[in-house]
Amino acid sequence: MTTYSVLETEEALLPSPVGRRRRGFWDYVPFAVAALVAVPVVVVLCHVFVPAGEVWTHLAETVLGRYVTNTIWLFLGVGIGTAVIGVGTAWLCSMCRFPGRPVFEWALLLPLAVPTYAIGFTYAGLFEYAGPVQSLLRSAFDWGRGDYWFPEPRSLGGAIAVMTLVLYPYVYLLSRAAFLSQSVCVLEVSRTLGRSPFRSFLTVALPLARPAIVGGVSLALMEALSDFGTVHYYGVDTFTTGIYRTWFGFGEPAAAAQLAAMLMVFVLALILLERSSRGSRRFHHTSARYRQLPGYALTGVRKWLAVSACLLPVLLGFLVPFGQLGAWTIATADKMLDASFFALAWNSVSLATITAVIAVCVALLVAYALRLRGTVPMRAAARAAGLGYAVPGSVIAVGVLLPFAWLDNRVDALARDWLGVSTGLLLTGTILALVFAYLVRFLAVSLNTVEASLGRVTPSMDGAARSLGASPGRVLFRVHMPMVAGGLMTAGLLVFVDVMKELPATLIMRPFDFNTLAVKAYELASDERLADSASAALAIVVVGIAPVVLLSRAITRSRPGGEGP
């Protein structure tokens, strides 16, 4: 009879050490997702070494310098513009009291609902020579052509202005959340040292909010670098327009991939610049004391300056384009709101719904895997899986089309050899490749939201369910999913709206005879049918208003210890 010591018996009952633990399904989920998301980027980088022949030489001699110069100016202009508007309005709405502040808190986010190309088309129609603004000026002052100067809307400066008006909410969003989370103690100490509210903002609040501000500006710049509709319509040559022109104009996917790789260098430089500028410094509070923020009451001229500073971005970034799109839609409703419009709406909604469901499911699996066993490699893989949001849609489109087209050709060749039939384009000829590109592009949106939702569930819930014999999968479906249903709906809605607005990837990868509202609005505007494009653009704007309301409510409730000011 074999005898066991008490120590041996206790060791047998304890779980095995982490190093000897058998890996299961949940351990591989982050790595598998990261590998899939990395496919487009790896493909693009690999094509850097593929000879592009005379096409690349032609690009280098003619337009490459213009691509670089315009992209840098766009980078600088949008970065400065969004930082000034976003940080300034965030401080006013967080720390000051003036008429209309409760309305401006959420209204300043409304431009997020407007696609950049939609506002670009709108302002081009309003301010061009034959538009209503210049026509009114000529009629009022009896001017003719050449009698006055008016800024050209379709220019690099016009593109910078349009993108700034649409993208500043990224900076406002993160900056206001950072200001609301600051401890009142540091602000009170600054005031006791004799500093004015404005100087306290410059020397205390602004440095503490720096990581959030830089993060918001980085998001805005990534969106600006990936824009296609606005820069193409305004005649501004950037890498995004060059990728599209090289692929479809010259029929050279290798050269297009090399341009995509150069665009990725800009994105990588942006990320590294943010990291290196921060260095080893850390920005945090030394006090856990949170009370109602002071709220400086503005009076006299300052009060109305604050109202004007908050009203202008909302007016120019949302109200004017929304009103013009609405007027054009009403004027063209008889011919544009027909069966084909609703078919386009169905295509857009179905694509966005499919992508949103898949993105939420994948994000839920990755986030739950990290909750179960969040090792450093797993967390690194999860962060890599979310990097697709930093990659422009045109780059992802090129990186997906090249391997998927190769797979289509291989499957078709095998089917012909073995079965004597042609399978056609199973991937690139259907929405499968397009949905995959969307998933790569917007997985980070759902992953961040789902991970934050799961983080609010106390770990004791897992322990209680596991002690009753439930498997990890059963705990996820029976315990966590009902508790984080609101977060899952929010994540799905955010992805849904992003897919509805996405233009570059859709334009490059859509199957034959398959259009969406975004593509239709772009095509009609490119044909100078601005009024006819309004109904498709307005539908996208209306859909985008819902997540803006959700984001505003989330920010207001984000301050520790209360509902915010």
Protein backbone atom coordinates (compact mmCIF):
# COMPACT_ATOMS: atom_id res chain seq x y z
CA MET A 1 0.00 0.00 0.00
CA THR A 2 1.42 3.32 -1.09
CA THR A 3 1.51 6.09 1.49
CA TYR A 4 1.56 9.83 0.74
CA SER A 5 2.88 12.54 2.96
CA VAL A 6 0.66 15.45 3.91
CA LEU A 7 2.85 17.78 1.82
CA GLU A 8 2.53 15.58 -1.27
CA THR A 9 -1.25 15.45 -0.86
CA GLU A 10 -1.53 19.23 -0.55
CA GLU A 11 0.70 19.75 -3.63
CA ALA A 12 -1.51 17.40 -5.65
CA LEU A 13 -4.58 19.45 -4.80
CA LEU A 14 -3.00 22.79 -5.72
CA PRO A 15 -3.15 24.09 -9.32
CA SER A 16 -0.05 23.47 -11.38
CA PRO A 17 2.48 26.31 -11.65
CA VAL A 18 2.03 28.72 -14.50
CA GLY A 19 5.13 27.48 -16.23
CA ARG A 20 3.76 23.89 -16.40
CA ARG A 21 0.18 24.89 -17.14
CA ARG A 22 -1.25 23.30 -20.28
CA ARG A 23 -2.15 25.96 -22.81
CA GLY A 24 -5.73 26.01 -24.05
CA PHE A 25 -8.02 27.87 -26.41
CA TRP A 26 -8.00 31.14 -24.47
CA ASP A 27 -4.20 31.31 -24.41
CA TYR A 28 -3.98 31.38 -28.21
CA VAL A 29 -6.83 33.80 -29.00
CA PRO A 30 -4.84 37.09 -28.79
CA PHE A 31 -1.99 35.67 -30.85
CA ALA A 32 -4.29 34.31 -33.56
CA VAL A 33 -6.16 37.62 -33.85
CA ALA A 34 -2.92 39.62 -33.90
CA ALA A 35 -1.55 37.39 -36.67
CA LEU A 36 -4.66 37.93 -38.81
CA VAL A 37 -4.63 41.67 -38.31
CA ALA A 38 -0.92 41.83 -39.15
CA VAL A 39 -1.41 40.21 -42.58
CA PRO A 40 -2.14 43.45 -44.52
CA VAL A 41 0.77 45.31 -42.91
CA VAL A 42 3.22 42.45 -43.52
CA VAL A 43 2.11 42.14 -47.14
CA VAL A 44 2.59 45.85 -47.76
CA LEU A 45 6.05 45.86 -46.16
CA CYS A 46 7.12 42.80 -48.13
CA HIS A 47 6.22 44.50 -51.41
CA VAL A 48 8.76 47.22 -50.70
CA PHE A 49 11.36 44.88 -52.16
CA VAL A 50 9.33 43.94 -55.26
CA PRO A 51 10.59 45.73 -58.42
CA ALA A 52 8.00 48.20 -59.70
CA GLY A 53 9.67 48.91 -63.03
CA GLU A 54 9.35 52.25 -64.74
CA VAL A 55 6.21 53.22 -62.84
CA TRP A 56 8.10 53.93 -59.64
CA THR A 57 10.70 55.93 -61.54
CA HIS A 58 7.91 57.96 -63.12
CA LEU A 59 6.30 58.59 -59.72
CA ALA A 60 9.62 59.65 -58.18
CA GLU A 61 10.32 62.09 -61.01
CA THR A 62 6.85 63.66 -61.15
CA VAL A 63 4.51 63.45 -58.15
CA LEU A 64 6.34 61.82 -55.23
CA GLY A 65 7.76 65.12 -53.97
CA ARG A 66 4.28 66.64 -54.07
CA TYR A 67 2.87 63.69 -52.12
CA VAL A 68 5.46 64.19 -49.38
CA THR A 69 5.13 67.98 -49.21
CA ASN A 70 1.32 68.03 -49.14
CA THR A 71 1.19 65.25 -46.56
CA ILE A 72 3.59 67.14 -44.26
CA TRP A 73 1.60 70.39 -44.57
CA LEU A 74 -1.63 68.50 -43.94
CA PHE A 75 0.02 66.88 -40.93
CA LEU A 76 1.11 70.20 -39.44
CA GLY A 77 -2.05 72.17 -40.25
CA VAL A 78 -4.52 69.63 -38.91
CA GLY A 79 -2.38 68.92 -35.85
CA ILE A 80 -2.15 72.58 -34.81
CA GLY A 81 -5.78 73.38 -35.67
CA THR A 82 -7.31 70.43 -33.82
CA ALA A 83 -5.09 71.01 -30.77
CA VAL A 84 -6.06 74.69 -30.45
CA ILE A 85 -9.80 74.16 -30.91
CA GLY A 86 -10.05 70.87 -29.01
CA VAL A 87 -8.03 71.84 -25.94
CA GLY A 88 -9.47 75.35 -25.71
CA THR A 89 -13.11 74.28 -25.87
CA ALA A 90 -12.47 71.34 -23.52
CA TRP A 91 -11.03 73.66 -20.88
CA LEU A 92 -13.89 76.13 -21.22
CA CYS A 93 -16.57 73.44 -20.90
CA SER A 94 -14.80 71.71 -18.00
CA MET A 95 -13.61 74.58 -15.82
CA CYS A 96 -15.63 77.69 -16.72
CA ARG A 97 -19.23 78.80 -16.38
CA PHE A 98 -20.87 80.77 -19.19
CA PRO A 99 -24.23 80.82 -21.02
CA GLY A 100 -24.96 77.66 -22.99
CA ARG A 101 -22.15 75.56 -21.48
CA PRO A 102 -24.36 72.48 -20.80
CA VAL A 103 -25.38 72.47 -24.47
CA PHE A 104 -21.86 72.98 -25.78
CA GLU A 105 -20.59 70.04 -23.68
CA TRP A 106 -22.26 67.58 -26.06
CA ALA A 107 -22.75 69.78 -29.13
CA LEU A 108 -18.99 70.15 -29.61
CA LEU A 109 -18.88 66.40 -30.37
CA LEU A 110 -21.43 66.59 -33.20
CA PRO A 111 -18.86 67.06 -36.01
CA LEU A 112 -17.76 63.48 -35.30
CA ALA A 113 -21.00 62.39 -36.97
CA VAL A 114 -20.07 64.11 -40.24
CA PRO A 115 -17.73 62.26 -42.64
CA THR A 116 -14.82 64.44 -43.71
CA TYR A 117 -15.66 64.08 -47.38
CA ALA A 118 -19.29 65.11 -46.74
CA ILE A 119 -18.34 68.42 -45.15
CA GLY A 120 -15.71 68.86 -47.87
CA PHE A 121 -18.30 68.52 -50.64
CA THR A 122 -20.66 70.84 -48.80
CA TYR A 123 -18.21 73.70 -48.33
CA ALA A 124 -16.93 73.36 -51.89
CA GLY A 125 -20.51 73.81 -53.11
CA LEU A 126 -21.13 76.75 -50.77
CA PHE A 127 -17.95 78.74 -51.45
CA GLU A 128 -17.04 77.98 -55.07
CA TYR A 129 -17.45 80.73 -57.68
CA ALA A 130 -20.95 79.62 -58.72
CA GLY A 131 -21.97 78.85 -55.13
CA PRO A 132 -24.48 80.83 -53.08
CA VAL A 133 -21.89 82.77 -51.00
CA GLN A 134 -19.94 84.27 -53.89
CA SER A 135 -23.11 84.75 -55.92
CA LEU A 136 -24.61 86.75 -53.04
CA LEU A 137 -21.48 88.90 -52.78
CA ARG A 138 -21.48 89.66 -56.50
CA SER A 139 -25.16 90.53 -56.39
CA ALA A 140 -24.86 92.74 -53.30
CA PHE A 141 -21.82 94.73 -54.45
CA ASP A 142 -22.31 94.50 -58.23
CA TRP A 143 -18.97 92.72 -58.64
CA GLY A 144 -17.82 90.76 -61.64
CA ARG A 145 -15.10 88.16 -62.15
CA GLY A 146 -11.75 89.62 -61.13
CA ASP A 147 -13.24 92.47 -59.09
CA TYR A 148 -12.67 90.77 -55.74
CA TRP A 149 -10.53 88.16 -54.03
CA PHE A 150 -12.02 85.08 -52.41
CA PRO A 151 -10.09 82.14 -50.93
CA GLU A 152 -10.11 79.05 -53.10
CA PRO A 153 -11.98 76.28 -51.22
CA ARG A 154 -10.52 73.46 -53.32
CA SER A 155 -6.94 73.83 -52.13
CA LEU A 156 -4.56 72.49 -49.53
CA GLY A 157 -5.65 75.22 -47.11
CA GLY A 158 -9.30 74.34 -47.71
CA ALA A 159 -8.61 70.66 -47.03
CA ILE A 160 -6.80 71.54 -43.78
CA ALA A 161 -9.69 73.75 -42.64
CA VAL A 162 -12.32 71.12 -43.44
CA MET A 163 -10.42 68.31 -41.68
CA THR A 164 -9.78 70.50 -38.63
CA LEU A 165 -13.51 71.24 -38.28
CA VAL A 166 -14.37 67.53 -38.42
CA LEU A 167 -11.47 66.05 -36.44
CA TYR A 168 -11.05 68.45 -33.49
CA PRO A 169 -13.63 66.43 -31.43
CA TYR A 170 -10.99 63.70 -31.01
CA VAL A 171 -8.87 66.19 -29.06
CA TYR A 172 -11.87 67.69 -27.28
CA LEU A 173 -13.07 64.22 -26.27
CA LEU A 174 -9.85 63.08 -24.60
CA SER A 175 -8.86 66.51 -23.26
CA ARG A 176 -12.18 67.07 -21.50
CA ALA A 177 -12.06 63.59 -19.99
CA ALA A 178 -8.56 64.40 -18.68
CA PHE A 179 -9.62 67.78 -17.26
CA LEU A 180 -12.65 66.23 -15.54
CA SER A 181 -10.47 63.56 -13.89
CA GLN A 182 -8.02 66.06 -12.38
CA SER A 183 -7.92 66.52 -8.64
CA VAL A 184 -9.19 69.84 -7.35
CA CYS A 185 -6.30 69.92 -4.87
CA VAL A 186 -3.60 70.72 -7.42
CA LEU A 187 -5.73 73.50 -8.87
CA GLU A 188 -6.36 74.97 -5.40
CA VAL A 189 -2.64 74.92 -4.61
CA SER A 190 -1.95 76.78 -7.82
CA ARG A 191 -4.53 79.45 -6.96
CA THR A 192 -3.14 79.89 -3.43
CA LEU A 193 0.22 80.71 -5.00
CA GLY A 194 -1.40 83.70 -6.69
CA ARG A 195 -1.85 82.31 -10.19
CA SER A 196 -4.83 83.31 -12.30
CA PRO A 197 -7.19 80.68 -13.72
CA PHE A 198 -5.58 81.04 -17.14
CA ARG A 199 -2.06 80.67 -15.76
CA SER A 200 -3.15 77.66 -13.70
CA PHE A 201 -4.45 76.17 -16.92
CA LEU A 202 -1.10 76.69 -18.69
CA THR A 203 1.18 75.55 -15.86
CA VAL A 204 -0.86 72.87 -14.06
CA ALA A 205 -3.90 71.52 -15.91
CA LEU A 206 -2.33 71.47 -19.37
CA PRO A 207 0.82 69.48 -18.39
CA LEU A 208 -1.31 66.98 -16.44
CA ALA A 209 -3.57 66.48 -19.48
CA ARG A 210 -0.67 66.24 -21.93
CA PRO A 211 -0.88 62.47 -22.60
CA ALA A 212 -4.60 62.74 -23.38
CA ILE A 213 -4.06 65.79 -25.61
CA VAL A 214 -1.28 64.12 -27.57
CA GLY A 215 -3.42 61.00 -27.90
CA GLY A 216 -6.31 63.03 -29.31
CA VAL A 217 -4.09 64.88 -31.77
CA SER A 218 -2.57 61.57 -32.86
CA LEU A 219 -6.02 60.14 -33.59
CA ALA A 220 -6.95 63.24 -35.59
CA LEU A 221 -3.72 63.06 -37.59
CA MET A 222 -4.20 59.37 -38.34
CA GLU A 223 -7.67 60.14 -39.69
CA ALA A 224 -6.28 63.02 -41.75
CA LEU A 225 -3.53 60.86 -43.24
CA SER A 226 -6.06 58.17 -44.21
CA ASP A 227 -8.56 60.59 -45.81
CA PHE A 228 -9.23 60.13 -49.51
CA GLY A 229 -12.52 61.77 -50.46
CA THR A 230 -11.68 65.31 -49.35
CA VAL A 231 -8.12 65.52 -50.68
CA HIS A 232 -9.07 63.91 -53.98
CA TYR A 233 -12.05 66.21 -54.50
CA TYR A 234 -10.01 69.28 -53.49
CA GLY A 235 -7.22 68.35 -55.92
CA VAL A 236 -4.59 67.83 -53.21
CA ASP A 237 -2.10 65.08 -54.06
CA THR A 238 -1.30 62.93 -51.01
CA PHE A 239 -0.17 59.36 -50.53
CA THR A 240 -3.78 58.18 -50.26
CA THR A 241 -4.75 59.59 -53.66
CA GLY A 242 -1.47 58.31 -55.09
CA ILE A 243 -2.20 54.75 -53.94
CA TYR A 244 -5.61 54.79 -55.60
CA ARG A 245 -4.27 56.35 -58.81
CA THR A 246 -1.33 53.95 -59.05
CA TRP A 247 -3.49 50.86 -58.48
CA PHE A 248 -6.38 51.70 -60.79
CA GLY A 249 -4.73 54.19 -63.17
CA PHE A 250 -1.43 52.43 -63.83
CA GLY A 251 -2.52 48.93 -62.83
CA GLU A 252 0.62 48.50 -60.70
CA PRO A 253 -0.16 46.88 -57.34
CA ALA A 254 3.53 46.64 -56.40
CA ALA A 255 4.06 50.39 -56.81
CA ALA A 256 0.81 51.05 -54.93
CA ALA A 257 2.05 48.86 -52.08
CA GLN A 258 5.31 50.78 -51.97
CA LEU A 259 3.42 54.07 -51.72
CA ALA A 260 1.34 52.48 -48.96
CA ALA A 261 4.55 51.54 -47.15
CA MET A 262 5.74 55.16 -47.33
CA LEU A 263 2.44 56.30 -45.86
CA MET A 264 2.92 53.81 -43.04
CA VAL A 265 6.27 55.46 -42.33
CA PHE A 266 4.39 58.70 -41.58
CA VAL A 267 2.04 56.87 -39.21
CA LEU A 268 4.94 55.08 -37.50
CA ALA A 269 6.83 58.35 -37.15
CA LEU A 270 3.76 59.89 -35.52
CA ILE A 271 3.56 57.09 -32.95
CA LEU A 272 7.29 57.13 -32.20
CA LEU A 273 7.31 60.92 -31.92
CA GLU A 274 4.62 60.81 -29.26
CA ARG A 275 6.45 58.11 -27.31
CA SER A 276 9.86 59.78 -27.51
CA SER A 277 8.53 63.23 -26.62
CA ARG A 278 7.08 61.82 -23.42
CA GLY A 279 10.33 60.04 -22.55
CA SER A 280 10.54 58.69 -19.02
CA ARG A 281 8.26 61.38 -17.61
CA ARG A 282 4.99 60.38 -16.01
CA PHE A 283 1.87 62.47 -15.56
CA HIS A 284 -0.31 61.59 -12.60
CA HIS A 285 -1.90 62.97 -9.45
CA THR A 286 -0.47 62.52 -5.98
CA SER A 287 -3.85 63.03 -4.33
CA ALA A 288 -6.93 60.83 -4.41
CA ARG A 289 -9.13 63.68 -3.21
CA TYR A 290 -11.77 64.53 -5.80
CA ARG A 291 -14.39 67.20 -5.27
CA GLN A 292 -16.53 69.42 -7.42
CA LEU A 293 -14.30 71.33 -9.86
CA PRO A 294 -14.17 75.04 -9.05
CA GLY A 295 -15.94 76.43 -12.13
CA TYR A 296 -14.72 79.93 -12.89
CA ALA A 297 -17.67 82.21 -13.67
CA LEU A 298 -16.91 84.30 -16.76
CA THR A 299 -18.39 87.77 -16.97
CA GLY A 300 -18.47 90.65 -19.43
CA VAL A 301 -16.53 90.28 -22.65
CA ARG A 302 -14.90 87.01 -21.54
CA LYS A 303 -18.32 85.39 -21.24
CA TRP A 304 -19.26 86.16 -24.83
CA LEU A 305 -15.81 85.28 -26.12
CA ALA A 306 -16.24 81.84 -24.53
CA VAL A 307 -19.67 81.47 -26.15
CA SER A 308 -18.22 82.44 -29.54
CA ALA A 309 -15.25 80.09 -29.16
CA CYS A 310 -17.59 77.15 -28.52
CA LEU A 311 -20.29 78.16 -30.99
CA LEU A 312 -18.09 78.60 -34.07
CA PRO A 313 -16.77 75.00 -34.21
CA VAL A 314 -20.31 73.63 -33.79
CA LEU A 315 -21.71 76.07 -36.34
CA LEU A 316 -19.04 75.47 -38.99
CA GLY A 317 -18.39 71.81 -38.22
CA PHE A 318 -21.99 70.59 -37.98
CA LEU A 319 -24.88 73.04 -38.26
CA VAL A 320 -23.92 74.66 -41.57
CA PRO A 321 -23.09 71.41 -43.43
CA PHE A 322 -26.05 69.59 -41.87
CA GLY A 323 -28.42 72.39 -42.90
CA GLN A 324 -27.02 72.56 -46.44
CA LEU A 325 -27.18 68.78 -46.85
CA GLY A 326 -30.77 68.85 -45.60
CA ALA A 327 -31.73 71.60 -48.05
CA TRP A 328 -30.13 69.76 -50.97
CA THR A 329 -31.80 66.49 -49.92
CA ILE A 330 -35.24 68.10 -49.87
CA ALA A 331 -34.62 69.73 -53.25
CA THR A 332 -33.55 66.44 -54.89
CA ALA A 333 -35.80 64.03 -52.96
CA ASP A 334 -38.06 63.31 -55.96
CA LYS A 335 -35.27 61.86 -58.08
CA MET A 336 -32.74 60.63 -55.50
CA LEU A 337 -34.85 58.94 -52.78
CA ASP A 338 -35.85 56.03 -54.98
CA ALA A 339 -35.40 52.25 -54.91
CA SER A 340 -31.70 52.51 -55.77
CA PHE A 341 -31.10 54.77 -52.74
CA PHE A 342 -32.65 52.23 -50.38
CA ALA A 343 -30.63 49.47 -52.06
CA LEU A 344 -27.47 51.46 -51.30
CA ALA A 345 -28.67 52.00 -47.75
CA TRP A 346 -29.23 48.25 -47.38
CA ASN A 347 -25.70 47.52 -48.67
CA SER A 348 -24.19 49.98 -46.20
CA VAL A 349 -26.27 48.81 -43.25
CA SER A 350 -25.67 45.12 -43.95
CA LEU A 351 -21.90 45.60 -44.29
CA ALA A 352 -21.76 47.69 -41.13
CA THR A 353 -23.92 45.22 -39.16
CA ILE A 354 -21.91 42.17 -40.20
CA THR A 355 -18.62 43.88 -39.38
CA ALA A 356 -19.91 45.21 -36.05
CA VAL A 357 -21.11 41.78 -34.92
CA ILE A 358 -17.84 40.09 -35.88
CA ALA A 359 -15.72 42.87 -34.36
CA VAL A 360 -17.59 42.71 -31.04
CA CYS A 361 -17.33 38.91 -30.91
CA VAL A 362 -13.60 38.94 -31.66
CA ALA A 363 -13.00 41.77 -29.19
CA LEU A 364 -14.95 39.91 -26.50
CA LEU A 365 -12.84 36.78 -26.98
CA VAL A 366 -9.57 38.73 -26.83
CA ALA A 367 -10.59 40.83 -23.83
CA TYR A 368 -11.82 37.78 -21.90
CA ALA A 369 -8.63 35.87 -22.70
CA LEU A 370 -6.66 38.73 -21.17
CA ARG A 371 -8.92 38.66 -18.13
CA LEU A 372 -8.28 34.96 -17.63
CA ARG A 373 -4.52 35.05 -18.04
CA GLY A 374 -3.13 38.43 -19.02
CA THR A 375 0.52 37.61 -19.48
CA VAL A 376 2.87 40.17 -21.00
CA PRO A 377 3.05 38.38 -24.40
CA MET A 378 -0.75 38.08 -24.53
CA ARG A 379 -1.22 41.75 -23.75
CA ALA A 380 1.37 42.68 -26.35
CA ALA A 381 -0.50 40.58 -28.92
CA ALA A 382 -3.78 42.27 -27.97
CA ARG A 383 -2.21 45.72 -28.43
CA ALA A 384 -0.86 44.60 -31.81
CA ALA A 385 -4.35 43.44 -32.78
CA GLY A 386 -5.61 46.97 -32.17
CA LEU A 387 -2.96 48.71 -34.26
CA GLY A 388 -5.07 48.42 -37.41
CA TYR A 389 -6.85 51.63 -36.46
CA ALA A 390 -3.57 53.48 -36.95
CA VAL A 391 -3.20 52.12 -40.48
CA PRO A 392 -5.00 54.09 -43.23
CA GLY A 393 -7.84 52.31 -45.00
CA SER A 394 -6.09 52.53 -48.36
CA VAL A 395 -3.03 50.73 -46.95
CA ILE A 396 -5.20 47.99 -45.46
CA ALA A 397 -7.06 47.64 -48.76
CA VAL A 398 -3.83 47.09 -50.68
CA GLY A 399 -2.54 44.68 -48.03
CA VAL A 400 -5.75 42.62 -48.15
CA LEU A 401 -6.31 42.60 -51.91
CA LEU A 402 -2.88 41.26 -52.81
CA PRO A 403 -2.97 38.01 -50.76
CA PHE A 404 -6.71 37.48 -51.27
CA ALA A 405 -6.37 37.86 -55.03
CA TRP A 406 -3.54 35.30 -54.94
CA LEU A 407 -5.75 32.91 -52.95
CA ASP A 408 -8.61 33.40 -55.40
CA ASN A 409 -6.35 32.51 -58.32
CA ARG A 410 -4.95 29.45 -56.55
CA VAL A 411 -8.38 28.12 -55.59
CA ASP A 412 -9.69 28.73 -59.09
CA ALA A 413 -6.71 26.94 -60.66
CA LEU A 414 -7.15 23.93 -58.36
CA ALA A 415 -10.88 23.80 -59.06
CA ARG A 416 -10.22 23.84 -62.81
CA ASP A 417 -7.60 21.09 -62.54
CA TRP A 418 -9.54 18.80 -60.20
CA LEU A 419 -13.20 19.56 -60.88
CA GLY A 420 -13.14 21.21 -64.28
CA VAL A 421 -15.08 24.25 -63.03
CA SER A 422 -14.17 27.83 -62.24
CA THR A 423 -14.81 29.16 -58.76
CA GLY A 424 -14.40 32.79 -59.81
CA LEU A 425 -13.45 35.39 -57.21
CA LEU A 426 -14.65 33.84 -53.97
CA LEU A 427 -12.92 36.38 -51.74
CA THR A 428 -12.22 39.58 -53.69
CA GLY A 429 -15.38 39.24 -55.77
CA THR A 430 -17.63 39.17 -52.69
CA ILE A 431 -17.88 41.15 -49.48
CA LEU A 432 -15.67 38.71 -47.57
CA ALA A 433 -12.42 40.55 -48.28
CA LEU A 434 -14.10 43.90 -47.63
CA VAL A 435 -15.46 42.79 -44.24
CA PHE A 436 -12.01 41.48 -43.30
CA ALA A 437 -10.47 44.85 -44.19
CA TYR A 438 -13.08 46.62 -42.05
CA LEU A 439 -12.34 44.24 -39.19
CA VAL A 440 -8.62 44.97 -39.36
CA ARG A 441 -9.30 48.71 -39.51
CA PHE A 442 -11.83 49.03 -36.68
CA LEU A 443 -11.13 46.13 -34.30
CA ALA A 444 -9.38 48.53 -31.92
CA VAL A 445 -12.60 50.55 -31.52
CA SER A 446 -14.53 47.55 -30.23
CA LEU A 447 -11.58 46.05 -28.32
CA ASN A 448 -11.02 49.17 -26.21
CA THR A 449 -14.71 49.50 -25.37
CA VAL A 450 -15.23 45.82 -24.54
CA GLU A 451 -12.05 45.64 -22.46
CA ALA A 452 -13.16 48.67 -20.43
CA SER A 453 -16.59 47.11 -19.87
CA LEU A 454 -15.14 43.79 -18.66
CA GLY A 455 -12.77 45.68 -16.38
CA ARG A 456 -15.73 47.00 -14.40
CA VAL A 457 -16.87 43.46 -13.49
CA THR A 458 -15.46 42.42 -10.13
CA PRO A 459 -13.16 39.35 -10.23
CA SER A 460 -15.17 37.77 -7.42
CA MET A 461 -17.90 37.01 -9.97
CA ASP A 462 -15.46 34.79 -11.87
CA GLY A 463 -14.39 33.02 -8.71
CA ALA A 464 -17.96 32.36 -7.63
CA ALA A 465 -18.93 30.91 -11.02
CA ARG A 466 -15.78 28.79 -11.32
CA SER A 467 -16.27 27.42 -7.78
CA LEU A 468 -19.66 26.10 -8.96
CA GLY A 469 -17.95 24.13 -11.74
CA ALA A 470 -18.57 26.48 -14.67
CA SER A 471 -16.01 26.43 -17.46
CA PRO A 472 -14.40 29.71 -18.65
CA GLY A 473 -16.61 29.74 -21.72
CA ARG A 474 -19.74 29.20 -19.68
CA VAL A 475 -18.74 31.98 -17.29
CA LEU A 476 -18.34 34.31 -20.26
CA PHE A 477 -21.74 33.57 -21.78
CA ARG A 478 -23.78 33.14 -18.59
CA VAL A 479 -22.20 35.75 -16.31
CA HIS A 480 -20.18 38.39 -18.14
CA MET A 481 -22.14 38.93 -21.34
CA PRO A 482 -25.40 39.86 -19.57
CA MET A 483 -23.49 42.22 -17.27
CA VAL A 484 -21.63 44.04 -20.06
CA ALA A 485 -24.43 44.00 -22.64
CA GLY A 486 -24.50 47.82 -22.69
CA GLY A 487 -20.78 48.00 -23.41
CA LEU A 488 -21.11 45.44 -26.19
CA MET A 489 -23.92 47.46 -27.77
CA THR A 490 -21.80 50.63 -27.55
CA ALA A 491 -18.81 48.89 -29.14
CA GLY A 492 -20.98 47.54 -31.94
CA LEU A 493 -22.56 50.93 -32.57
CA LEU A 494 -19.17 52.66 -32.80
CA VAL A 495 -17.90 50.11 -35.32
CA PHE A 496 -21.19 50.32 -37.23
CA VAL A 497 -20.86 54.08 -37.72
CA ASP A 498 -17.17 53.89 -38.64
CA VAL A 499 -17.93 51.32 -41.35
CA MET A 500 -20.78 53.46 -42.67
CA LYS A 501 -18.36 56.39 -43.10
CA GLU A 502 -15.34 54.47 -44.43
CA LEU A 503 -14.49 55.46 -48.01
CA PRO A 504 -10.91 54.57 -49.11
CA ALA A 505 -11.06 50.83 -48.31
CA THR A 506 -14.60 50.55 -49.70
CA LEU A 507 -13.71 52.38 -52.89
CA ILE A 508 -10.73 50.11 -53.58
CA MET A 509 -12.17 46.76 -52.44
CA ARG A 510 -15.92 46.81 -53.22
CA PRO A 511 -17.10 43.99 -55.48
CA PHE A 512 -18.24 44.75 -59.00
CA ASP A 513 -21.65 46.47 -59.20
CA PHE A 514 -21.68 46.91 -55.41
CA ASN A 515 -22.00 50.42 -54.00
CA THR A 516 -22.53 51.92 -50.58
CA LEU A 517 -23.84 55.30 -49.46
CA ALA A 518 -20.29 56.56 -48.92
CA VAL A 519 -19.13 55.52 -52.40
CA LYS A 520 -22.28 56.89 -54.05
CA ALA A 521 -21.90 60.27 -52.32
CA TYR A 522 -18.27 60.43 -53.46
CA GLU A 523 -19.06 59.46 -57.05
CA LEU A 524 -21.90 61.98 -57.40
CA ALA A 525 -19.81 64.76 -55.87
CA SER A 526 -16.90 63.91 -58.19
CA ASP A 527 -19.31 64.37 -61.12
CA GLU A 528 -20.13 67.83 -59.68
CA ARG A 529 -23.61 66.65 -58.69
CA LEU A 530 -23.26 68.02 -55.17
CA ALA A 531 -26.98 68.39 -54.51
CA ASP A 532 -27.63 64.82 -55.69
CA SER A 533 -24.93 63.48 -53.33
CA ALA A 534 -26.54 65.12 -50.28
CA SER A 535 -29.12 62.41 -49.52
CA ALA A 536 -26.47 59.68 -49.20
CA ALA A 537 -24.18 61.89 -47.12
CA LEU A 538 -27.02 63.06 -44.88
CA ALA A 539 -28.09 59.48 -44.16
CA ILE A 540 -24.56 58.73 -42.89
CA VAL A 541 -24.58 61.87 -40.74
CA VAL A 542 -27.92 61.00 -39.14
CA VAL A 543 -26.70 57.49 -38.26
CA GLY A 544 -23.55 58.95 -36.72
CA ILE A 545 -25.38 61.16 -34.21
CA ALA A 546 -26.27 58.26 -31.88
CA PRO A 547 -22.71 57.36 -30.79
CA VAL A 548 -21.94 61.05 -30.28
CA VAL A 549 -24.68 61.21 -27.65
CA LEU A 550 -23.31 58.06 -25.98
CA LEU A 551 -19.78 59.46 -25.90
CA SER A 552 -20.96 62.73 -24.38
CA ARG A 553 -22.84 60.93 -21.59
CA ALA A 554 -19.81 58.71 -20.90
CA ILE A 555 -17.51 61.73 -20.55
CA THR A 556 -19.88 63.53 -18.20
CA ARG A 557 -19.99 60.48 -15.90
CA SER A 558 -16.23 59.88 -16.11
CA ARG A 559 -15.12 62.09 -13.21
CA PRO A 560 -14.25 60.04 -10.11
CA GLY A 561 -16.48 60.59 -7.18
CA GLY A 562 -19.37 62.17 -8.97
CA GLU A 563 -21.22 63.00 -12.12
CA GLY A 564 -18.82 65.70 -13.16
CA PRO A 565 -19.34 69.42 -12.93
